[in-house]
Amino acid sequence: MENALAIANFFIKKSFDTGEPVTNMKLVKLVYIAHGWYLALAGEPLLSEPVEAWKYGPVVPSVYYSFKDFGGEPIRQMAPGPNPGESAPVALTHTELVPFLEKIWEVYGRYTGVDLSAMTHQDNTPWKMVWDTQGKHNNNVIIPNNLIKEYYQKLVNAPHAAQSA
């Protein structure tokens, strides 16, 4: 499992390298989508923290709060390490994830945060199922990994899988 901020930093670096802007909304959704596909393909969680069902979709709280000051503007810096005074960005501990994350960026990086949000809000998505049954009345309801895994496993063999996340 990886620190969610390391995954976020990977996508921010891709944004810098390609010139494709990443907002907080887009970043939160990219991290979630990567987690979903990893659960389906590897059978284990990508992230070391849970995904929560918030009003505006699935959210990894550490990613949202680390970049919320950018609002809807493109993110201009990576998240630093957790130790006080640490300025180096949080990096992947499992470098073998790079090809997988590159593929996520290749497929989903061209979409806006609004596009990705729409994908994660469709009927029968893990967020929608949790939000409709528990989230509307409770804050910070965790979306179970088994629900995310089942959803993305169905997409593995589905045509046009990138159109649903």
C-alpha atoms as a PDB file:
ATOM      1  CA  MET A   1       0.000   0.000   0.000  1.00  0.00           C
ATOM      2  CA  GLU A   2       1.057   3.539  -0.720  1.00  0.00           C
ATOM      3  CA  ASN A   3       0.673   6.874   0.954  1.00  0.00           C
ATOM      4  CA  ALA A   4      -2.144   8.649  -0.902  1.00  0.00           C
ATOM      5  CA  LEU A   5      -0.013  11.802  -1.117  1.00  0.00           C
ATOM      6  CA  ALA A   6       2.706   9.863  -2.960  1.00  0.00           C
ATOM      7  CA  ILE A   7       0.117   8.832  -5.565  1.00  0.00           C
ATOM      8  CA  ALA A   8      -1.133  12.436  -5.717  1.00  0.00           C
ATOM      9  CA  ASN A   9       2.416  13.713  -6.194  1.00  0.00           C
ATOM     10  CA  PHE A  10       2.940  11.268  -9.046  1.00  0.00           C
ATOM     11  CA  PHE A  11      -0.053  12.784 -10.868  1.00  0.00           C
ATOM     12  CA  ILE A  12       1.025  16.341 -10.057  1.00  0.00           C
ATOM     13  CA  LYS A  13       4.463  15.628 -11.525  1.00  0.00           C
ATOM     14  CA  LYS A  14       2.768  14.208 -14.640  1.00  0.00           C
ATOM     15  CA  SER A  15       0.795  17.451 -14.806  1.00  0.00           C
ATOM     16  CA  PHE A  16       4.005  19.477 -14.671  1.00  0.00           C
ATOM     17  CA  ASP A  17       5.688  17.245 -17.269  1.00  0.00           C
ATOM     18  CA  THR A  18       2.786  17.258 -19.743  1.00  0.00           C
ATOM     19  CA  GLY A  19       1.301  20.710 -19.177  1.00  0.00           C
ATOM     20  CA  GLU A  20      -2.102  19.142 -18.461  1.00  0.00           C
ATOM     21  CA  PRO A  21      -3.446  21.057 -15.435  1.00  0.00           C
ATOM     22  CA  VAL A  22      -4.580  19.224 -12.318  1.00  0.00           C
ATOM     23  CA  THR A  23      -7.021  20.816  -9.883  1.00  0.00           C
ATOM     24  CA  ASN A  24      -7.820  19.448  -6.447  1.00  0.00           C
ATOM     25  CA  MET A  25     -11.054  17.914  -7.754  1.00  0.00           C
ATOM     26  CA  LYS A  26      -9.246  16.210 -10.620  1.00  0.00           C
ATOM     27  CA  LEU A  27      -6.459  15.008  -8.343  1.00  0.00           C
ATOM     28  CA  VAL A  28      -8.814  13.520  -5.753  1.00  0.00           C
ATOM     29  CA  LYS A  29     -10.672  11.653  -8.494  1.00  0.00           C
ATOM     30  CA  LEU A  30      -7.458  10.414 -10.177  1.00  0.00           C
ATOM     31  CA  VAL A  31      -6.204   8.998  -6.865  1.00  0.00           C
ATOM     32  CA  TYR A  32      -9.565   7.309  -6.260  1.00  0.00           C
ATOM     33  CA  ILE A  33      -9.736   5.869  -9.788  1.00  0.00           C
ATOM     34  CA  ALA A  34      -6.170   4.533  -9.493  1.00  0.00           C
ATOM     35  CA  HIS A  35      -7.146   2.903  -6.193  1.00  0.00           C
ATOM     36  CA  GLY A  36     -10.207   1.316  -7.805  1.00  0.00           C
ATOM     37  CA  TRP A  37      -8.343  -0.110 -10.772  1.00  0.00           C
ATOM     38  CA  TYR A  38      -5.546  -1.374  -8.521  1.00  0.00           C
ATOM     39  CA  LEU A  39      -8.047  -3.166  -6.283  1.00  0.00           C
ATOM     40  CA  ALA A  40      -9.560  -4.833  -9.350  1.00  0.00           C
ATOM     41  CA  LEU A  41      -6.300  -5.776 -11.061  1.00  0.00           C
ATOM     42  CA  ALA A  42      -3.973  -6.537  -8.140  1.00  0.00           C
ATOM     43  CA  GLY A  43      -6.579  -7.685  -5.648  1.00  0.00           C
ATOM     44  CA  GLU A  44      -5.262  -5.423  -2.898  1.00  0.00           C
ATOM     45  CA  PRO A  45      -5.594  -1.779  -1.907  1.00  0.00           C
ATOM     46  CA  LEU A  46      -3.345   0.819  -3.491  1.00  0.00           C
ATOM     47  CA  LEU A  47      -3.928   3.336  -0.707  1.00  0.00           C
ATOM     48  CA  SER A  48      -3.094   3.056   2.966  1.00  0.00           C
ATOM     49  CA  GLU A  49      -6.111   5.192   3.917  1.00  0.00           C
ATOM     50  CA  PRO A  50      -9.796   4.770   3.170  1.00  0.00           C
ATOM     51  CA  VAL A  51     -11.868   6.589   0.581  1.00  0.00           C
ATOM     52  CA  GLU A  52     -14.831   8.507   1.957  1.00  0.00           C
ATOM     53  CA  ALA A  53     -18.206   9.347   0.404  1.00  0.00           C
ATOM     54  CA  TRP A  54     -18.578  13.122   0.484  1.00  0.00           C
ATOM     55  CA  LYS A  55     -21.354  15.196  -1.034  1.00  0.00           C
ATOM     56  CA  TYR A  56     -19.346  15.795  -4.209  1.00  0.00           C
ATOM     57  CA  GLY A  57     -18.054  12.274  -4.639  1.00  0.00           C
ATOM     58  CA  PRO A  58     -15.389   9.865  -3.451  1.00  0.00           C
ATOM     59  CA  VAL A  59     -12.601  11.651  -1.576  1.00  0.00           C
ATOM     60  CA  VAL A  60      -9.284  10.637  -0.054  1.00  0.00           C
ATOM     61  CA  PRO A  61      -9.211  13.159   2.814  1.00  0.00           C
ATOM     62  CA  SER A  62      -5.428  13.637   3.022  1.00  0.00           C
ATOM     63  CA  VAL A  63      -5.310  14.532  -0.675  1.00  0.00           C
ATOM     64  CA  TYR A  64      -8.216  16.943  -0.481  1.00  0.00           C
ATOM     65  CA  TYR A  65      -6.930  18.759   2.602  1.00  0.00           C
ATOM     66  CA  SER A  66      -3.349  18.949   1.322  1.00  0.00           C
ATOM     67  CA  PHE A  67      -4.420  20.828  -1.805  1.00  0.00           C
ATOM     68  CA  LYS A  68      -7.678  22.572  -0.840  1.00  0.00           C
ATOM     69  CA  ASP A  69      -5.984  25.985  -0.753  1.00  0.00           C
ATOM     70  CA  PHE A  70      -5.652  25.817  -4.557  1.00  0.00           C
ATOM     71  CA  GLY A  71      -9.446  25.752  -4.882  1.00  0.00           C
ATOM     72  CA  GLY A  72     -10.347  25.235  -8.528  1.00  0.00           C
ATOM     73  CA  GLU A  73      -6.979  26.496  -9.771  1.00  0.00           C
ATOM     74  CA  PRO A  74      -4.236  24.185 -11.087  1.00  0.00           C
ATOM     75  CA  ILE A  75      -2.029  22.733  -8.363  1.00  0.00           C
ATOM     76  CA  ARG A  76       1.434  24.290  -8.507  1.00  0.00           C
ATOM     77  CA  GLN A  77       3.388  22.245  -5.946  1.00  0.00           C
ATOM     78  CA  MET A  78       3.645  18.715  -4.646  1.00  0.00           C
ATOM     79  CA  ALA A  79       2.834  17.674  -1.084  1.00  0.00           C
ATOM     80  CA  PRO A  80       5.887  17.640   1.197  1.00  0.00           C
ATOM     81  CA  GLY A  81       6.752  14.790   3.538  1.00  0.00           C
ATOM     82  CA  PRO A  82       5.037  14.494   6.905  1.00  0.00           C
ATOM     83  CA  ASN A  83       7.936  15.558   9.117  1.00  0.00           C
ATOM     84  CA  PRO A  84       8.106  19.183  10.302  1.00  0.00           C
ATOM     85  CA  GLY A  85      10.290  21.274   8.039  1.00  0.00           C
ATOM     86  CA  GLU A  86      10.441  18.559   5.382  1.00  0.00           C
ATOM     87  CA  SER A  87      10.281  20.084   1.927  1.00  0.00           C
ATOM     88  CA  ALA A  88      10.926  17.034  -0.252  1.00  0.00           C
ATOM     89  CA  PRO A  89       7.752  15.708  -1.880  1.00  0.00           C
ATOM     90  CA  VAL A  90       6.241  12.450  -0.642  1.00  0.00           C
ATOM     91  CA  ALA A  91       7.544   9.817  -3.053  1.00  0.00           C
ATOM     92  CA  LEU A  92       6.346   6.358  -4.028  1.00  0.00           C
ATOM     93  CA  THR A  93       7.794   3.582  -1.905  1.00  0.00           C
ATOM     94  CA  HIS A  94       6.898   0.974  -4.528  1.00  0.00           C
ATOM     95  CA  THR A  95       8.446   2.106  -7.813  1.00  0.00           C
ATOM     96  CA  GLU A  96       6.968  -0.912  -9.595  1.00  0.00           C
ATOM     97  CA  LEU A  97       3.688   1.048  -9.520  1.00  0.00           C
ATOM     98  CA  VAL A  98       4.994   3.572 -12.051  1.00  0.00           C
ATOM     99  CA  PRO A  99       3.786   1.734 -15.219  1.00  0.00           C
ATOM    100  CA  PHE A 100       0.344   1.245 -13.656  1.00  0.00           C
ATOM    101  CA  LEU A 101       0.076   4.916 -12.657  1.00  0.00           C
ATOM    102  CA  GLU A 102       1.353   5.980 -16.088  1.00  0.00           C
ATOM    103  CA  LYS A 103      -1.536   4.044 -17.648  1.00  0.00           C
ATOM    104  CA  ILE A 104      -4.062   5.688 -15.307  1.00  0.00           C
ATOM    105  CA  TRP A 105      -2.682   9.092 -16.344  1.00  0.00           C
ATOM    106  CA  GLU A 106      -2.740   8.111 -20.031  1.00  0.00           C
ATOM    107  CA  VAL A 107      -6.410   7.113 -19.863  1.00  0.00           C
ATOM    108  CA  TYR A 108      -7.819   9.600 -17.344  1.00  0.00           C
ATOM    109  CA  GLY A 109      -5.382  12.529 -17.268  1.00  0.00           C
ATOM    110  CA  ARG A 110      -6.993  14.240 -20.231  1.00  0.00           C
ATOM    111  CA  TYR A 111     -10.327  14.588 -18.436  1.00  0.00           C
ATOM    112  CA  THR A 112     -11.272  17.570 -16.285  1.00  0.00           C
ATOM    113  CA  GLY A 113     -12.148  17.247 -12.631  1.00  0.00           C
ATOM    114  CA  VAL A 114     -15.803  17.770 -13.570  1.00  0.00           C
ATOM    115  CA  ASP A 115     -15.606  14.953 -16.136  1.00  0.00           C
ATOM    116  CA  LEU A 116     -14.016  12.575 -13.641  1.00  0.00           C
ATOM    117  CA  SER A 117     -16.515  13.570 -10.985  1.00  0.00           C
ATOM    118  CA  ALA A 118     -19.380  12.786 -13.359  1.00  0.00           C
ATOM    119  CA  MET A 119     -17.869   9.347 -14.006  1.00  0.00           C
ATOM    120  CA  THR A 120     -17.685   8.565 -10.288  1.00  0.00           C
ATOM    121  CA  HIS A 121     -21.269   9.777  -9.669  1.00  0.00           C
ATOM    122  CA  GLN A 122     -23.030   7.457 -12.107  1.00  0.00           C
ATOM    123  CA  ASP A 123     -25.662   5.017 -10.905  1.00  0.00           C
ATOM    124  CA  ASN A 124     -24.265   1.817  -9.372  1.00  0.00           C
ATOM    125  CA  THR A 125     -20.862   3.357  -8.620  1.00  0.00           C
ATOM    126  CA  PRO A 126     -19.466   2.691  -5.141  1.00  0.00           C
ATOM    127  CA  TRP A 127     -19.849   6.360  -4.192  1.00  0.00           C
ATOM    128  CA  LYS A 128     -23.488   6.490  -5.343  1.00  0.00           C
ATOM    129  CA  MET A 129     -24.413   3.319  -3.477  1.00  0.00           C
ATOM    130  CA  VAL A 130     -22.822   4.497  -0.225  1.00  0.00           C
ATOM    131  CA  TRP A 131     -23.988   8.093  -0.562  1.00  0.00           C
ATOM    132  CA  ASP A 132     -27.601   7.112  -1.256  1.00  0.00           C
ATOM    133  CA  THR A 133     -27.771   4.673   1.666  1.00  0.00           C
ATOM    134  CA  GLN A 134     -25.584   6.339   4.328  1.00  0.00           C
ATOM    135  CA  GLY A 135     -23.784   9.442   3.163  1.00  0.00           C
ATOM    136  CA  LYS A 136     -26.636  11.922   2.876  1.00  0.00           C
ATOM    137  CA  HIS A 137     -27.122  11.810   6.629  1.00  0.00           C
ATOM    138  CA  ASN A 138     -23.578  11.162   7.816  1.00  0.00           C
ATOM    139  CA  ASN A 139     -20.296  12.876   7.131  1.00  0.00           C
ATOM    140  CA  ASN A 140     -17.167  10.975   6.188  1.00  0.00           C
ATOM    141  CA  VAL A 141     -18.728   7.571   5.507  1.00  0.00           C
ATOM    142  CA  ILE A 142     -16.056   5.149   4.304  1.00  0.00           C
ATOM    143  CA  ILE A 143     -16.602   3.492   0.934  1.00  0.00           C
ATOM    144  CA  PRO A 144     -15.608  -0.138   1.587  1.00  0.00           C
ATOM    145  CA  ASN A 145     -12.727  -1.441  -0.518  1.00  0.00           C
ATOM    146  CA  ASN A 146     -14.689  -4.594  -1.370  1.00  0.00           C
ATOM    147  CA  LEU A 147     -17.409  -2.427  -2.964  1.00  0.00           C
ATOM    148  CA  ILE A 148     -14.825  -0.465  -4.961  1.00  0.00           C
ATOM    149  CA  LYS A 149     -13.069  -3.683  -5.978  1.00  0.00           C
ATOM    150  CA  GLU A 150     -16.284  -5.349  -7.179  1.00  0.00           C
ATOM    151  CA  TYR A 151     -17.210  -2.297  -9.244  1.00  0.00           C
ATOM    152  CA  TYR A 152     -13.833  -2.013 -10.965  1.00  0.00           C
ATOM    153  CA  GLN A 153     -13.628  -5.771 -11.560  1.00  0.00           C
ATOM    154  CA  LYS A 154     -16.841  -5.448 -13.571  1.00  0.00           C
ATOM    155  CA  LEU A 155     -15.169  -2.729 -15.643  1.00  0.00           C
ATOM    156  CA  VAL A 156     -12.103  -4.858 -16.403  1.00  0.00           C
ATOM    157  CA  ASN A 157     -13.941  -6.744 -19.158  1.00  0.00           C
ATOM    158  CA  ALA A 158     -16.449  -4.023 -20.030  1.00  0.00           C
ATOM    159  CA  PRO A 159     -16.188  -2.234 -23.365  1.00  0.00           C
ATOM    160  CA  HIS A 160     -15.295   1.448 -23.045  1.00  0.00           C
ATOM    161  CA  ALA A 161     -14.198   0.978 -19.446  1.00  0.00           C
ATOM    162  CA  ALA A 162     -12.549   4.419 -19.369  1.00  0.00           C
ATOM    163  CA  GLN A 163     -15.955   6.030 -19.789  1.00  0.00           C
ATOM    164  CA  SER A 164     -17.025   4.758 -16.379  1.00  0.00           C
ATOM    165  CA  ALA A 165     -15.037   5.140 -13.248  1.00  0.00           C
END
